[in-house]
Amino acid sequence: MKIHTAGVAVCIIIALLAIAAFIPLRYSSQTAAATSTITLTPSIQSAFPNSITFKIQADSGAVINQLRLHYVVEKQNYAEVVSEGWPVFTPAASVNTQWVWDMRKSPLPVGTTVEYWWTARDDAGHTEESDRYSFAFDDTLHNWKSMVEGPITLFWYDGDNEFADSLMAAARQGLETIENDIGIVPEGTVRIYIYGSQSDLLSSQLFAPDWQGGVTFQGYDVIAIGVSPGQLAFGLSATPHELTHWVMGHHIFNPYGAGLPVWLDEGLATYVQEEQYDNWLNYAITKNKLISVRTLSSPFSAIAEQAYISYAESQSIVTFLLSEYGKDKMAELFDAFSDGATDDAALMQVYGFDQDGLDRLWRQSIGVSTSP
């Protein structure tokens, strides 16, 4: 059998040329995929107070298979808490999708700042992180005006500058009372939103109780109060009241989740607002309707009579502790709560009696010798 070497050589050369032609093409394709970049174009749409929609347009030279929203809420905390949103989308080289933060599940107060960014990954193994953006969850239904004094920024839209000046003066006086009488110096800054009516205040929140006239969003440094220019007297009382909640919440913030008993928190707030509840206290004494200190550690009743009695008693109990033992002891009590002590343990540590002991001593101070 005769072998034609020339023919074999030609076949080998042709085969090698085919391989050589194939290899660069395949290598070039892999290189392009490996060096493909992802472009992220975020946007945001707010529907206060119901939702925030985070939108993303992502483009790549390869199929995008993962998109994540990352966000951090501006809030008093011991560590940065990063939350994630996972939008639903079909993998593709170009993706336009969104993730909606439904405030019915996790609401935010007015004016809260949210920092957010996106990350993406494609089939080529390439990842990309967008710039970080900040967004304020503002109530855009009203044309807000503002003024700043010390740690307070006051926002309002109904009423003139004199109206706002009066509320700011009440806030300033409240902070002075907290410092002088209770011994606590405010920390941080706070934003106070004055809504022009109670109905406007309620419509700025989801699931707000219909009796609410003011609220402190603890940890967010935000206060919201419903005050029309014709209700200035209420505003002059409610502003220092809510400010006290903010100051005390900020002061005793701790990693244990421990807070003040309701009688102490509300008692301090009513003490600072300087609105007297003597008539309700006398009514409760006369009608034998006093509530025990231990019961007042829980949220107050929504029934008007019991609520007013609860506020009256709490104010009287705090006044008793301050007048009988002084603000230094009160400061020690706050420190005990900051360390995570329970209500009874904190009182026992500072004063030498628990809530039942306080109940007996306080009743004796107002001329009621026995507990219910």
Protein backbone atom coordinates (compact mmCIF):
# COMPACT_ATOMS: atom_id res chain seq x y z
CA MET A 1 0.00 0.00 0.00
CA LYS A 2 1.36 3.33 -1.05
CA ILE A 3 1.13 6.32 1.31
CA HIS A 4 1.11 9.75 -0.24
CA THR A 5 3.08 11.75 2.32
CA ALA A 6 2.43 15.00 0.56
CA GLY A 7 -1.32 14.48 0.92
CA VAL A 8 -0.99 13.63 4.63
CA ALA A 9 1.10 16.74 5.23
CA VAL A 10 -1.51 18.88 3.54
CA CYS A 11 -4.24 17.36 5.74
CA ILE A 12 -2.24 17.98 8.91
CA ILE A 13 -1.58 21.58 7.94
CA ILE A 14 -5.26 22.14 7.22
CA ALA A 15 -6.19 20.60 10.58
CA LEU A 16 -3.66 22.75 12.43
CA LEU A 17 -4.90 25.87 10.70
CA ALA A 18 -8.45 25.02 11.70
CA ILE A 19 -7.41 24.53 15.34
CA ALA A 20 -5.38 27.71 15.29
CA ALA A 21 -8.33 29.59 13.92
CA PHE A 22 -10.64 28.14 16.59
CA ILE A 23 -8.46 28.76 19.64
CA PRO A 24 -8.15 32.58 19.35
CA LEU A 25 -11.88 32.93 18.81
CA ARG A 26 -12.68 30.89 21.91
CA TYR A 27 -10.10 32.75 24.01
CA SER A 28 -11.37 36.09 22.80
CA SER A 29 -14.92 35.19 23.85
CA GLN A 30 -13.82 34.22 27.38
CA THR A 31 -11.77 37.38 27.77
CA ALA A 32 -14.70 39.58 26.77
CA ALA A 33 -16.97 37.85 29.27
CA ALA A 34 -14.45 38.12 32.09
CA THR A 35 -13.93 41.82 31.55
CA SER A 36 -17.60 42.70 31.06
CA THR A 37 -18.80 45.44 33.42
CA ILE A 38 -22.16 46.00 35.10
CA THR A 39 -23.74 49.43 35.01
CA LEU A 40 -26.18 50.23 37.82
CA THR A 41 -28.60 53.15 37.60
CA PRO A 42 -30.74 53.47 40.77
CA SER A 43 -33.72 55.72 41.39
CA ILE A 44 -36.27 56.07 44.16
CA GLN A 45 -39.95 56.95 44.48
CA SER A 46 -41.60 57.90 47.76
CA ALA A 47 -45.30 57.62 48.60
CA PHE A 48 -45.33 59.00 52.16
CA PRO A 49 -46.37 57.50 54.54
CA ASN A 50 -47.18 54.26 52.71
CA SER A 51 -44.10 53.10 50.87
CA ILE A 52 -40.70 53.68 49.30
CA THR A 53 -40.00 52.12 45.89
CA PHE A 54 -36.34 51.47 45.10
CA LYS A 55 -35.83 51.11 41.34
CA ILE A 56 -32.80 49.77 39.50
CA GLN A 57 -31.70 49.60 35.86
CA ALA A 58 -28.81 47.15 35.49
CA ASP A 59 -26.91 46.44 32.26
CA SER A 60 -24.03 44.07 31.53
CA GLY A 61 -22.20 42.25 28.75
CA ALA A 62 -23.36 39.00 30.37
CA VAL A 63 -26.58 37.77 31.95
CA ILE A 64 -27.28 39.44 35.31
CA ASN A 65 -28.34 36.77 37.77
CA GLN A 66 -28.38 38.59 41.09
CA LEU A 67 -29.50 42.03 42.31
CA ARG A 68 -29.61 43.13 45.95
CA LEU A 69 -30.73 46.35 47.59
CA HIS A 70 -28.88 47.23 50.80
CA TYR A 71 -30.13 49.96 53.14
CA VAL A 72 -29.38 51.48 56.54
CA VAL A 73 -31.91 53.52 58.52
CA GLU A 74 -30.64 56.53 60.47
CA LYS A 75 -31.47 55.48 64.01
CA GLN A 76 -29.86 55.37 67.44
CA ASN A 77 -28.07 52.04 67.54
CA TYR A 78 -24.97 50.30 68.86
CA ALA A 79 -24.00 48.89 65.48
CA GLU A 80 -24.81 49.59 61.86
CA VAL A 81 -27.71 47.38 60.85
CA VAL A 82 -27.77 46.68 57.10
CA SER A 83 -31.05 45.36 55.72
CA GLU A 84 -31.60 43.83 52.29
CA GLY A 85 -34.31 43.85 49.67
CA TRP A 86 -34.44 41.11 47.02
CA PRO A 87 -36.26 42.28 43.89
CA VAL A 88 -37.95 39.75 41.62
CA PHE A 89 -36.63 39.74 38.04
CA THR A 90 -35.86 37.50 35.07
CA PRO A 91 -32.08 37.08 34.51
CA ALA A 92 -30.97 39.01 31.43
CA ALA A 93 -28.19 41.25 30.19
CA SER A 94 -30.45 44.25 30.82
CA VAL A 95 -32.74 44.29 33.85
CA ASN A 96 -35.21 46.93 35.02
CA THR A 97 -36.84 46.04 38.33
CA GLN A 98 -37.74 47.38 41.77
CA TRP A 99 -38.20 46.55 45.43
CA VAL A 100 -41.00 48.14 47.46
CA TRP A 101 -40.68 48.89 51.17
CA ASP A 102 -44.25 48.48 52.43
CA MET A 103 -44.60 50.65 55.54
CA ARG A 104 -47.54 48.57 56.75
CA LYS A 105 -44.97 45.96 57.74
CA SER A 106 -42.19 48.20 59.03
CA PRO A 107 -43.10 51.90 59.22
CA LEU A 108 -40.75 54.89 59.29
CA PRO A 109 -41.45 58.25 60.93
CA VAL A 110 -41.46 61.46 58.94
CA GLY A 111 -38.06 62.84 57.94
CA THR A 112 -36.08 59.65 58.60
CA THR A 113 -32.94 59.34 56.48
CA VAL A 114 -32.26 56.08 54.65
CA GLU A 115 -28.86 55.30 53.10
CA TYR A 116 -29.01 52.73 50.30
CA TRP A 117 -26.97 51.07 47.56
CA TRP A 118 -27.24 48.17 45.12
CA THR A 119 -25.02 45.19 44.31
CA ALA A 120 -25.19 42.98 41.22
CA ARG A 121 -23.58 39.83 39.80
CA ASP A 122 -23.61 38.35 36.30
CA ASP A 123 -22.95 34.93 34.76
CA ALA A 124 -19.37 35.92 33.95
CA GLY A 125 -18.67 36.12 37.69
CA HIS A 126 -18.37 39.89 37.64
CA THR A 127 -19.81 41.86 40.60
CA GLU A 128 -20.57 45.54 40.97
CA GLU A 129 -21.56 47.84 43.83
CA SER A 130 -23.23 51.18 43.20
CA ASP A 131 -22.46 54.43 44.96
CA ARG A 132 -24.22 55.05 48.27
CA TYR A 133 -27.18 57.40 48.27
CA SER A 134 -29.14 59.12 51.04
CA PHE A 135 -32.86 59.70 50.97
CA ALA A 136 -35.12 61.51 53.50
CA PHE A 137 -38.61 60.07 53.93
CA ASP A 138 -40.26 63.49 53.93
CA ASP A 139 -43.91 64.40 54.11
CA THR A 140 -44.25 66.33 50.85
CA LEU A 141 -47.98 66.99 51.29
CA HIS A 142 -47.20 70.21 53.16
CA ASN A 143 -45.01 73.25 52.50
CA TRP A 144 -42.80 73.08 55.57
CA LYS A 145 -41.00 76.02 57.12
CA SER A 146 -38.25 75.51 59.67
CA MET A 147 -36.21 77.18 62.39
CA VAL A 148 -33.23 75.92 64.39
CA GLU A 149 -32.23 76.62 67.97
CA GLY A 150 -29.63 74.54 69.79
CA PRO A 151 -30.38 70.84 69.34
CA ILE A 152 -33.90 71.49 68.04
CA THR A 153 -35.11 71.92 64.47
CA LEU A 154 -38.78 72.91 64.41
CA PHE A 155 -40.82 72.31 61.24
CA TRP A 156 -44.30 73.77 60.69
CA TYR A 157 -46.55 74.81 57.82
CA ASP A 158 -49.64 76.36 59.44
CA GLY A 159 -49.29 79.58 61.40
CA ASP A 160 -46.92 82.53 61.36
CA ASN A 161 -43.41 82.93 62.76
CA GLU A 162 -44.77 84.12 66.09
CA PHE A 163 -46.65 80.84 66.45
CA ALA A 164 -43.45 78.88 65.80
CA ASP A 165 -41.43 81.16 68.10
CA SER A 166 -43.84 80.41 70.95
CA LEU A 167 -43.46 76.66 70.47
CA MET A 168 -39.68 76.97 70.29
CA ALA A 169 -39.68 78.99 73.52
CA ALA A 170 -41.71 76.22 75.22
CA ALA A 171 -39.21 73.66 73.94
CA ARG A 172 -36.30 75.72 75.23
CA GLN A 173 -37.94 76.08 78.65
CA GLY A 174 -38.59 72.35 78.75
CA LEU A 175 -34.93 71.53 78.12
CA GLU A 176 -33.90 73.97 80.86
CA THR A 177 -36.30 72.31 83.33
CA ILE A 178 -34.97 68.87 82.45
CA GLU A 179 -31.41 70.03 83.06
CA ASN A 180 -32.07 72.09 86.20
CA ASP A 181 -34.67 69.96 87.98
CA ILE A 182 -33.85 66.45 86.77
CA GLY A 183 -30.12 66.84 86.10
CA ILE A 184 -30.06 65.50 82.54
CA VAL A 185 -28.31 67.37 79.72
CA PRO A 186 -29.85 66.64 76.29
CA GLU A 187 -27.69 64.66 73.86
CA GLY A 188 -27.88 64.74 70.09
CA THR A 189 -30.37 66.65 67.97
CA VAL A 190 -34.12 66.33 67.45
CA ARG A 191 -36.58 67.28 64.71
CA ILE A 192 -40.04 68.44 65.80
CA TYR A 193 -42.79 68.38 63.15
CA ILE A 194 -45.79 70.54 64.01
CA TYR A 195 -48.79 69.34 62.00
CA GLY A 196 -51.59 71.86 61.55
CA SER A 197 -54.26 69.57 63.04
CA GLN A 198 -54.68 66.26 64.78
CA SER A 199 -56.16 64.78 61.61
CA ASP A 200 -53.05 65.79 59.65
CA LEU A 201 -50.89 64.21 62.36
CA LEU A 202 -52.85 60.95 62.22
CA SER A 203 -52.76 60.83 58.42
CA SER A 204 -48.95 61.07 58.53
CA GLN A 205 -48.77 57.65 60.21
CA LEU A 206 -50.09 54.17 59.64
CA PHE A 207 -52.13 52.61 62.46
CA ALA A 208 -51.92 55.67 64.77
CA PRO A 209 -54.47 55.59 67.63
CA ASP A 210 -57.27 58.09 67.09
CA TRP A 211 -56.65 59.76 70.47
CA GLN A 212 -53.04 60.65 69.67
CA GLY A 213 -52.10 64.34 69.87
CA GLY A 214 -48.34 63.97 69.86
CA VAL A 215 -45.76 61.20 69.51
CA THR A 216 -42.05 60.71 70.08
CA PHE A 217 -40.46 58.20 67.73
CA GLN A 218 -37.88 56.88 70.14
CA GLY A 219 -34.51 56.17 68.59
CA TYR A 220 -35.24 58.20 65.46
CA ASP A 221 -34.84 61.67 67.04
CA VAL A 222 -38.23 62.68 65.65
CA ILE A 223 -41.26 64.20 67.38
CA ALA A 224 -44.61 64.91 65.69
CA ILE A 225 -47.41 66.97 67.25
CA GLY A 226 -50.77 68.09 65.92
CA VAL A 227 -51.20 71.79 66.80
CA SER A 228 -53.24 74.40 64.95
CA PRO A 229 -52.56 78.11 65.59
CA GLY A 230 -55.83 78.19 67.51
CA GLN A 231 -54.61 75.41 69.84
CA LEU A 232 -51.39 77.09 70.92
CA ALA A 233 -52.03 76.31 74.60
CA PHE A 234 -52.02 72.61 73.80
CA GLY A 235 -48.82 73.00 71.79
CA LEU A 236 -47.07 74.85 74.64
CA SER A 237 -47.82 71.86 76.86
CA ALA A 238 -47.29 69.01 74.39
CA THR A 239 -43.94 70.24 73.06
CA PRO A 240 -41.96 70.01 76.34
CA HIS A 241 -43.86 66.80 77.18
CA GLU A 242 -42.67 65.03 74.03
CA LEU A 243 -39.20 66.55 74.32
CA THR A 244 -38.85 64.94 77.74
CA HIS A 245 -39.61 61.53 76.26
CA TRP A 246 -36.91 62.15 73.66
CA VAL A 247 -34.29 63.31 76.18
CA MET A 248 -34.90 60.42 78.57
CA GLY A 249 -35.04 57.79 75.83
CA HIS A 250 -31.77 59.07 74.42
CA HIS A 251 -30.17 59.17 77.88
CA ILE A 252 -30.99 55.65 79.02
CA PHE A 253 -30.51 53.95 75.64
CA ASN A 254 -28.78 50.62 76.30
CA PRO A 255 -27.99 47.33 74.55
CA TYR A 256 -30.33 45.38 76.83
CA GLY A 257 -33.56 46.91 75.56
CA ALA A 258 -34.41 48.15 79.05
CA GLY A 259 -36.55 51.27 79.29
CA LEU A 260 -38.28 53.32 81.94
CA PRO A 261 -41.50 52.14 83.57
CA VAL A 262 -44.43 54.04 82.11
CA TRP A 263 -45.19 55.87 85.38
CA LEU A 264 -41.65 57.30 85.42
CA ASP A 265 -41.53 58.14 81.72
CA GLU A 266 -44.92 59.86 81.71
CA GLY A 267 -44.44 61.30 85.18
CA LEU A 268 -41.27 63.08 84.09
CA ALA A 269 -42.98 64.34 80.91
CA THR A 270 -45.97 65.75 82.79
CA TYR A 271 -43.64 67.25 85.42
CA VAL A 272 -41.69 69.14 82.74
CA GLN A 273 -44.77 70.33 80.82
CA GLU A 274 -45.89 72.11 84.02
CA GLU A 275 -49.54 71.30 83.47
CA GLN A 276 -51.06 70.35 86.79
CA TYR A 277 -53.30 67.31 87.19
CA ASP A 278 -54.27 68.05 90.80
CA ASN A 279 -57.99 67.92 90.09
CA TRP A 280 -57.72 64.41 88.69
CA LEU A 281 -55.52 63.28 91.56
CA ASN A 282 -58.00 64.64 94.11
CA TYR A 283 -60.82 62.99 92.20
CA ALA A 284 -59.05 59.62 92.32
CA ILE A 285 -58.38 59.98 96.04
CA THR A 286 -61.97 60.99 96.82
CA LYS A 287 -63.49 58.22 94.71
CA ASN A 288 -60.96 55.62 95.91
CA LYS A 289 -59.76 55.10 92.33
CA LEU A 290 -56.00 55.35 92.80
CA ILE A 291 -53.99 52.92 90.70
CA SER A 292 -50.98 51.07 92.13
CA VAL A 293 -47.48 52.05 91.04
CA ARG A 294 -46.89 48.51 89.80
CA THR A 295 -49.96 48.70 87.56
CA LEU A 296 -48.77 52.07 86.25
CA SER A 297 -45.61 50.38 84.97
CA SER A 298 -47.69 49.06 82.06
CA PRO A 299 -49.18 51.17 79.23
CA PHE A 300 -51.98 53.44 80.39
CA SER A 301 -55.61 52.71 79.66
CA ALA A 302 -57.25 54.25 76.59
CA ILE A 303 -60.32 55.02 78.72
CA ALA A 304 -60.19 58.77 79.34
CA GLU A 305 -60.86 58.76 83.07
CA GLN A 306 -58.29 56.07 83.85
CA ALA A 307 -55.76 57.72 81.54
CA TYR A 308 -56.07 61.10 83.26
CA ILE A 309 -55.78 59.46 86.68
CA SER A 310 -52.67 57.61 85.48
CA TYR A 311 -51.02 60.83 84.29
CA ALA A 312 -51.99 62.62 87.51
CA GLU A 313 -50.57 59.88 89.71
CA SER A 314 -47.38 59.58 87.68
CA GLN A 315 -46.75 63.32 87.92
CA SER A 316 -47.34 63.20 91.68
CA ILE A 317 -45.04 60.16 92.15
CA VAL A 318 -42.17 61.81 90.24
CA THR A 319 -42.67 65.06 92.17
CA PHE A 320 -42.51 63.05 95.41
CA LEU A 321 -39.24 61.34 94.42
CA LEU A 322 -37.61 64.62 93.34
CA SER A 323 -38.73 66.62 96.38
CA GLU A 324 -37.99 63.87 98.89
CA TYR A 325 -34.72 62.46 97.53
CA GLY A 326 -33.39 65.04 95.03
CA LYS A 327 -32.26 65.02 91.41
CA ASP A 328 -28.96 63.24 92.17
CA LYS A 329 -30.86 60.13 93.26
CA MET A 330 -33.01 60.44 90.17
CA ALA A 331 -29.88 60.53 88.02
CA GLU A 332 -28.68 57.35 89.77
CA LEU A 333 -32.02 55.74 88.94
CA PHE A 334 -31.54 56.54 85.26
CA ASP A 335 -28.07 55.01 85.38
CA ALA A 336 -29.51 51.83 86.88
CA PHE A 337 -32.02 51.56 84.02
CA SER A 338 -29.23 52.24 81.51
CA ASP A 339 -27.39 49.26 82.97
CA GLY A 340 -30.39 47.06 82.24
CA ALA A 341 -31.91 46.86 85.73
CA THR A 342 -35.56 45.89 86.12
CA ASP A 343 -38.05 48.34 87.61
CA ASP A 344 -37.91 46.83 91.11
CA ALA A 345 -34.15 46.25 91.05
CA ALA A 346 -33.42 49.82 89.96
CA LEU A 347 -35.58 51.31 92.72
CA MET A 348 -34.12 48.97 95.32
CA GLN A 349 -30.57 49.78 94.24
CA VAL A 350 -31.05 53.55 94.45
CA TYR A 351 -33.76 54.14 97.07
CA GLY A 352 -33.89 50.92 99.06
CA PHE A 353 -37.50 50.07 98.17
CA ASP A 354 -39.29 48.42 95.25
CA GLN A 355 -42.45 49.55 93.44
CA ASP A 356 -44.72 48.33 96.24
CA GLY A 357 -42.60 50.21 98.78
CA LEU A 358 -42.76 53.34 96.61
CA ASP A 359 -46.52 52.94 96.39
CA ARG A 360 -46.86 52.92 100.20
CA LEU A 361 -44.52 55.88 100.76
CA TRP A 362 -46.13 57.97 98.04
CA ARG A 363 -49.65 57.27 99.32
CA GLN A 364 -48.59 58.32 102.80
CA SER A 365 -47.19 61.57 101.35
CA ILE A 366 -50.61 62.47 99.88
CA GLY A 367 -52.53 61.42 102.99
CA VAL A 368 -53.66 57.98 101.83
CA SER A 369 -52.33 55.41 104.25
CA THR A 370 -53.34 52.09 102.71
CA SER A 371 -52.88 50.39 99.36
CA PRO A 372 -55.86 49.03 97.40
